[in-house]
Protein backbone atom coordinates (compact mmCIF):
# COMPACT_ATOMS: atom_id res chain seq x y z
CA MET A 1 -0.44 5.05 -21.56
CA ARG A 2 -1.98 3.30 -18.46
CA ALA A 3 -0.48 3.28 -15.08
CA ILE A 4 -1.82 0.46 -12.30
CA VAL A 5 -1.53 1.20 -8.98
CA PHE A 6 -2.43 -0.99 -5.68
CA PRO A 7 -3.74 0.04 -2.19
CA GLY A 8 -2.23 -0.10 1.30
CA GLN A 9 -3.40 -0.65 4.65
CA GLY A 10 -6.94 0.35 5.37
CA SER A 11 -8.72 -0.91 2.29
CA GLN A 12 -9.48 -4.40 4.39
CA PHE A 13 -13.20 -5.36 5.05
CA VAL A 14 -14.77 -8.49 5.91
CA GLY A 15 -16.39 -9.95 2.81
CA MET A 16 -13.28 -8.74 0.61
CA GLY A 17 -12.38 -10.97 -2.22
CA LYS A 18 -15.57 -13.59 -2.05
CA ASP A 19 -17.40 -12.31 -5.20
CA LEU A 20 -14.20 -12.65 -7.06
CA VAL A 21 -13.96 -16.40 -6.06
CA ASN A 22 -17.46 -16.73 -6.91
CA SER A 23 -16.94 -15.36 -10.52
CA PHE A 24 -13.68 -16.59 -11.33
CA VAL A 25 -11.97 -20.11 -10.71
CA LYS A 26 -8.06 -18.23 -11.14
CA ALA A 27 -9.16 -16.05 -8.27
CA LYS A 28 -9.94 -18.90 -6.13
CA ARG A 29 -6.47 -20.37 -6.77
CA VAL A 30 -4.76 -17.43 -5.79
CA PHE A 31 -6.52 -17.46 -2.33
CA GLU A 32 -5.68 -21.04 -2.16
CA GLU A 33 -2.21 -20.51 -2.84
CA ILE A 34 -1.71 -17.64 -0.12
CA ASN A 35 -3.35 -19.92 2.39
CA ASP A 36 -0.82 -22.83 1.70
CA ALA A 37 2.28 -20.05 1.73
CA LEU A 38 1.08 -19.05 5.22
CA ASN A 39 -0.24 -22.19 6.55
CA GLN A 40 -3.28 -20.26 7.51
CA ASP A 41 -7.00 -20.01 6.28
CA LEU A 42 -6.53 -16.19 5.41
CA TYR A 43 -9.44 -16.25 2.88
CA LYS A 44 -11.74 -17.43 5.92
CA ILE A 45 -10.71 -14.52 7.55
CA MET A 46 -11.34 -12.23 4.86
CA THR A 47 -14.47 -13.24 3.92
CA GLU A 48 -16.01 -14.20 7.38
CA GLY A 49 -14.04 -12.24 9.93
CA PRO A 50 -13.93 -11.47 12.65
CA GLU A 51 -12.87 -7.90 11.89
CA GLU A 52 -10.68 -7.67 14.89
CA GLU A 53 -8.83 -10.37 13.50
CA LEU A 54 -8.56 -9.26 9.80
CA ILE A 55 -7.39 -5.61 10.77
CA LEU A 56 -4.36 -7.10 12.40
CA THR A 57 -1.46 -6.01 10.58
CA GLU A 58 0.04 -9.34 9.84
CA ASN A 59 -3.35 -10.43 8.27
CA ALA A 60 -4.45 -7.31 6.80
CA GLN A 61 -1.24 -6.66 4.72
CA PRO A 62 -1.29 -10.19 2.74
CA ALA A 63 -5.06 -9.98 2.42
CA ILE A 64 -4.97 -6.63 0.76
CA MET A 65 -2.07 -8.14 -1.57
CA ALA A 66 -4.41 -11.25 -2.30
CA VAL A 67 -7.30 -9.10 -3.49
CA GLY A 68 -4.90 -7.13 -5.92
CA ILE A 69 -2.88 -10.10 -7.31
CA ALA A 70 -6.41 -12.22 -7.84
CA MET A 71 -7.42 -9.52 -10.19
CA ILE A 72 -4.24 -9.63 -12.16
CA ARG A 73 -4.29 -13.45 -12.42
CA VAL A 74 -7.80 -13.22 -13.86
CA LEU A 75 -6.60 -10.80 -16.68
CA LYS A 76 -3.55 -12.93 -17.39
CA GLU A 77 -5.95 -16.03 -17.48
CA GLU A 78 -7.97 -14.21 -19.93
CA GLY A 79 -4.85 -13.48 -22.12
CA TYR A 80 -3.62 -10.20 -20.66
CA ASN A 81 -0.21 -10.22 -19.32
CA ILE A 82 0.34 -7.07 -17.06
CA ASN A 83 2.85 -5.55 -19.69
CA GLN A 84 -0.04 -5.70 -22.20
CA PHE A 85 -2.31 -3.21 -20.65
CA SER A 86 0.12 -1.25 -18.43
CA ASN A 87 3.12 0.38 -18.80
CA ILE A 88 3.98 1.15 -15.12
CA THR A 89 2.91 0.34 -11.69
CA SER A 90 3.20 1.55 -8.14
CA GLY A 91 1.23 0.62 -4.81
CA HIS A 92 0.82 2.70 -1.32
CA SER A 93 3.05 1.16 1.19
CA LEU A 94 2.52 -2.57 1.09
CA GLY A 95 1.03 -2.19 -2.23
CA GLU A 96 4.54 -2.07 -3.59
CA TYR A 97 4.87 -5.51 -2.83
CA THR A 98 1.70 -6.25 -4.62
CA SER A 99 3.27 -4.24 -7.56
CA LEU A 100 6.35 -6.40 -7.53
CA THR A 101 4.13 -9.52 -7.36
CA ALA A 102 1.88 -8.17 -10.15
CA ALA A 103 4.74 -7.55 -12.48
CA GLU A 104 6.35 -10.71 -11.91
CA SER A 105 9.53 -9.76 -9.90
CA ILE A 106 8.60 -11.71 -6.98
CA THR A 107 6.35 -15.01 -6.53
CA LEU A 108 3.08 -14.76 -4.93
CA TYR A 109 4.50 -17.29 -2.47
CA ASP A 110 7.34 -15.15 -1.50
CA SER A 111 5.54 -11.93 -1.27
CA SER A 112 2.72 -13.67 0.95
CA LYS A 113 5.44 -14.80 3.45
CA LEU A 114 7.16 -11.30 3.38
CA LEU A 115 4.13 -9.33 4.15
CA LYS A 116 3.29 -11.93 7.05
CA ILE A 117 6.41 -11.34 8.52
CA ARG A 118 6.55 -7.52 7.84
CA GLY A 119 2.97 -7.13 9.71
CA GLN A 120 4.13 -9.15 12.42
CA ALA A 121 7.44 -7.09 13.19
CA MET A 122 5.47 -3.90 12.56
CA GLN A 123 2.96 -5.11 15.25
CA ASN A 124 5.76 -6.10 17.57
CA ALA A 125 7.99 -3.04 17.13
CA VAL A 126 6.07 -0.86 19.55
CA PRO A 127 3.90 -1.74 22.48
CA LYS A 128 0.29 -1.74 22.13
CA ASN A 129 -1.12 1.85 22.36
CA LYS A 130 2.08 3.45 22.85
CA GLY A 131 2.35 4.57 18.99
CA ILE A 132 -0.43 6.06 16.81
CA MET A 133 -0.74 7.85 13.30
CA ALA A 134 -3.13 10.72 12.41
CA ALA A 135 -4.54 12.23 9.02
CA VAL A 136 -3.90 15.74 8.86
CA LEU A 137 -6.14 17.86 6.53
CA GLY A 138 -5.89 21.35 5.16
CA LEU A 139 -2.00 21.77 5.62
CA ASN A 140 0.93 21.03 2.89
CA ILE A 141 3.91 19.13 3.35
CA ASN A 142 6.27 22.07 3.92
CA GLU A 143 3.70 23.10 6.72
CA VAL A 144 3.76 20.02 8.51
CA GLU A 145 7.35 19.32 8.45
CA ASN A 146 7.94 22.71 9.80
CA ALA A 147 5.49 22.60 12.42
CA LEU A 148 7.10 19.02 13.68
CA GLU A 149 10.54 20.53 14.16
CA PHE A 150 8.86 21.81 17.39
CA ASP A 151 9.55 19.22 20.29
CA TYR A 152 6.33 17.71 21.10
CA GLY A 153 7.87 15.11 23.89
CA GLY A 154 8.78 12.49 21.60
CA ILE A 155 8.94 10.82 17.97
CA CYS A 156 6.31 12.46 15.66
CA GLU A 157 7.44 12.49 12.08
CA VAL A 158 5.63 12.60 8.42
CA ALA A 159 4.57 9.03 7.43
CA ASN A 160 2.73 9.67 4.31
CA ASP A 161 2.66 12.70 1.98
CA ASN A 162 -0.86 11.43 0.14
CA ALA A 163 -1.80 14.71 -1.39
CA LYS A 164 -1.78 18.49 -1.30
CA GLY A 165 -3.84 19.27 2.01
CA GLN A 166 -3.51 15.28 3.34
CA ILE A 167 -0.49 14.38 5.24
CA VAL A 168 -0.36 11.39 7.74
CA ILE A 169 1.77 11.88 10.71
CA SER A 170 3.27 8.74 12.68
CA GLY A 171 5.12 8.34 16.18
CA GLN A 172 5.03 7.89 19.92
CA ALA A 173 1.11 8.51 21.35
CA GLU A 174 1.92 11.27 23.63
CA ALA A 175 3.94 13.18 20.99
CA VAL A 176 1.35 12.60 18.28
CA THR A 177 -1.22 13.79 20.28
CA ASN A 178 0.45 16.97 21.38
CA ALA A 179 1.32 17.52 17.57
CA ILE A 180 -2.10 17.66 16.86
CA GLU A 181 -3.02 20.60 18.76
CA GLY A 182 -0.23 22.25 17.54
CA LEU A 183 -1.16 21.53 14.09
CA LEU A 184 -4.56 22.65 14.58
CA ASN A 185 -3.32 25.77 16.04
CA ILE A 186 -1.42 26.75 12.82
CA GLY A 187 -4.40 26.03 10.58
CA ALA A 188 -5.09 22.45 9.90
CA LYS A 189 -8.91 22.00 9.00
CA LYS A 190 -8.90 18.70 10.78
CA VAL A 191 -6.71 16.06 12.29
CA ILE A 192 -7.95 12.76 12.60
CA LYS A 193 -6.39 9.82 14.61
CA LEU A 194 -6.38 6.81 12.41
CA PRO A 195 -7.58 3.11 13.56
CA VAL A 196 -4.16 1.58 13.03
CA SER A 197 -2.27 -1.06 15.27
CA ALA A 198 1.32 0.41 14.99
CA PRO A 199 2.97 3.69 13.82
CA PHE A 200 3.98 2.82 10.43
CA HIS A 201 6.63 4.83 8.20
CA CYS A 202 8.46 6.54 11.11
CA SER A 203 12.00 5.87 12.98
CA LEU A 204 9.99 3.84 15.57
CA MET A 205 9.75 1.20 12.69
CA MET A 206 13.83 0.61 12.88
CA PRO A 207 13.61 -3.15 14.27
CA VAL A 208 11.13 -3.84 11.25
CA LYS A 209 13.64 -2.54 8.70
CA GLU A 210 16.45 -4.53 10.35
CA LYS A 211 14.21 -7.51 10.01
CA MET A 212 13.32 -7.00 6.65
CA VAL A 213 16.91 -6.56 5.55
CA GLU A 214 17.45 -10.29 6.77
CA GLU A 215 14.44 -11.53 4.99
CA LEU A 216 14.92 -9.87 1.61
CA LYS A 217 18.47 -11.40 1.46
CA LYS A 218 16.28 -14.55 0.93
CA ILE A 219 14.39 -13.69 -1.69
CA ASN A 220 15.30 -14.03 -5.27
CA PHE A 221 13.98 -10.85 -7.64
CA ILE A 222 13.99 -10.91 -11.15
CA SER A 223 13.40 -7.61 -13.21
CA PRO A 224 9.85 -6.75 -13.37
CA LEU A 225 8.03 -7.03 -16.54
CA ILE A 226 7.02 -3.03 -16.38
CA PRO A 227 9.16 -0.46 -14.04
CA VAL A 228 7.81 -0.09 -10.41
CA ILE A 229 7.74 3.38 -8.84
CA SER A 230 9.08 2.98 -5.38
CA ASN A 231 7.56 4.73 -2.34
CA PHE A 232 10.84 5.63 -0.90
CA THR A 233 12.43 7.43 -4.06
CA ALA A 234 9.19 8.10 -6.09
CA GLU A 235 11.13 7.05 -9.15
CA PRO A 236 10.31 4.03 -11.53
CA THR A 237 13.19 1.21 -11.85
CA ARG A 238 13.63 -2.47 -12.81
CA ASP A 239 16.72 -2.77 -11.10
CA THR A 240 16.51 -5.87 -8.89
CA LYS A 241 19.09 -4.53 -6.29
CA LEU A 242 17.48 -1.07 -6.06
CA LEU A 243 13.87 -2.60 -5.90
CA LYS A 244 15.04 -4.55 -2.74
CA LYS A 245 16.92 -1.56 -1.24
CA ASN A 246 13.57 0.55 -1.57
CA LEU A 247 11.55 -2.27 0.06
CA VAL A 248 14.02 -1.99 3.04
CA ASN A 249 14.06 1.97 3.19
CA GLN A 250 10.42 2.48 2.94
CA VAL A 251 9.60 0.68 6.17
CA ASP A 252 10.55 3.99 8.16
CA GLY A 253 10.49 6.25 5.37
CA MET A 254 7.78 8.64 4.27
CA VAL A 255 5.58 7.39 1.47
CA ARG A 256 5.70 9.98 -1.31
CA TRP A 257 2.40 9.42 -2.80
CA ARG A 258 1.86 13.01 -4.34
CA GLU A 259 5.21 12.93 -5.70
CA ILE A 260 4.61 9.36 -7.35
CA MET A 261 1.27 10.82 -9.00
CA GLN A 262 3.21 13.74 -10.11
CA LYS A 263 5.82 11.56 -11.81
CA ILE A 264 3.09 9.43 -13.44
CA VAL A 265 1.75 12.43 -15.01
CA LYS A 266 5.18 13.85 -15.90
CA LEU A 267 6.03 10.74 -17.77
CA GLY A 268 3.11 11.27 -20.02
CA PHE A 269 0.49 8.85 -18.57
CA LYS A 270 -3.11 9.42 -19.39
CA GLU A 271 -4.98 6.78 -17.19
CA ILE A 272 -4.49 5.50 -13.78
CA VAL A 273 -6.23 2.17 -12.88
CA GLU A 274 -6.51 0.96 -9.22
CA PHE A 275 -6.76 -2.78 -8.44
CA GLY A 276 -7.90 -3.74 -4.94
CA SER A 277 -10.45 -3.62 -2.37
CA GLY A 278 -12.12 0.10 -2.63
CA SER A 279 -10.91 3.40 -4.34
CA VAL A 280 -8.67 5.00 -1.97
CA LEU A 281 -5.91 5.79 -4.44
CA THR A 282 -8.44 6.61 -7.07
CA ASN A 283 -9.79 9.36 -4.81
CA LEU A 284 -6.39 10.57 -4.23
CA ALA A 285 -5.32 10.80 -7.80
CA LYS A 286 -8.46 12.99 -8.36
CA ARG A 287 -6.89 15.31 -5.96
CA ASN A 288 -3.27 14.86 -7.15
CA SER A 289 -3.78 14.67 -10.89
CA PRO A 290 -6.85 15.65 -12.23
CA SER A 291 -5.72 15.74 -15.66
CA LEU A 292 -5.69 11.63 -15.33
CA ASN A 293 -8.59 9.48 -16.42
CA ARG A 294 -9.06 7.50 -13.47
CA LEU A 295 -10.58 4.09 -13.00
CA SER A 296 -11.12 1.72 -9.80
CA ILE A 297 -11.40 -2.03 -10.22
CA CYS A 298 -12.40 -2.85 -6.74
CA ASP A 299 -14.95 -6.06 -7.72
CA SER A 300 -16.00 -8.76 -10.18
CA ASN A 301 -18.23 -6.52 -11.90
CA SER A 302 -15.59 -3.56 -12.55
CA LEU A 303 -13.06 -6.29 -13.50
CA GLN A 304 -15.41 -7.89 -15.91
CA GLU A 305 -15.91 -4.41 -17.52
CA PHE A 306 -12.25 -3.75 -17.76
CA ILE A 307 -11.64 -7.11 -19.30
CA LYS A 308 -14.27 -5.81 -22.17
CA LYS A 309 -12.52 -2.56 -22.47
CA LEU A 310 -9.26 -4.48 -23.43
CA SER A 311 -10.87 -7.05 -25.66
């Protein structure tokens, strides 16, 4: 059995998607559809930059989704619906939207609009430079959570449980900076401030959560072709009400990626395939679930090889 996963923010780069468009007509149509939905030439930003415009949350989120969906649409054009080559899907943070789009629970048009709105709301929720995130290496989730019970002078929470020994914290800049020192003192090997524009997946995102409640009310969900594992619950579901609820709750909730990988193994899956720009989740799978066969589909060549594998 095979699980497919989609990356979150951070996997964007100038030039992303270009080789897909050069190789597959269907991929080009996906980017055109997203441009139309957003009334914006997102593809130009993706392929030409400038980088400072691409990394804006409101652009990076739909851009990352676009690459994953372009690949899935190419496979469909080749005669492979998602439920013919996969039994379950999940996505890291915004990647959950990509999973839902790939599994045909929501339309590409709706997903593009939602991610644009989500990105803008996240950007606007906290004044620039007032919130930051940091990756904590060498401590497990319990050690970090226990350390964050101390008052560091503001909001500082666990945002991502990515893997054993790789936790991301998020919150107010001063509190996170103070927490970094505390975490190093209790044995963290390294703590790295992340180049993100807002403190995602913490209680500072409450205004975004409220915004997404209203926006998701407007969207028609249908049951996905395959179950989607939620970031918020680390459980698979095809229930449309629950899928909506999970998207709301993941805004300020912790990304439980380590648990998602454990769930995939527990359910009996033998292979995990990452679709998107880069191989972040493939590398995390190596740490989380070394028993899984791992494959990264990150460009037109690897996509062609995957098509050959299916045929």
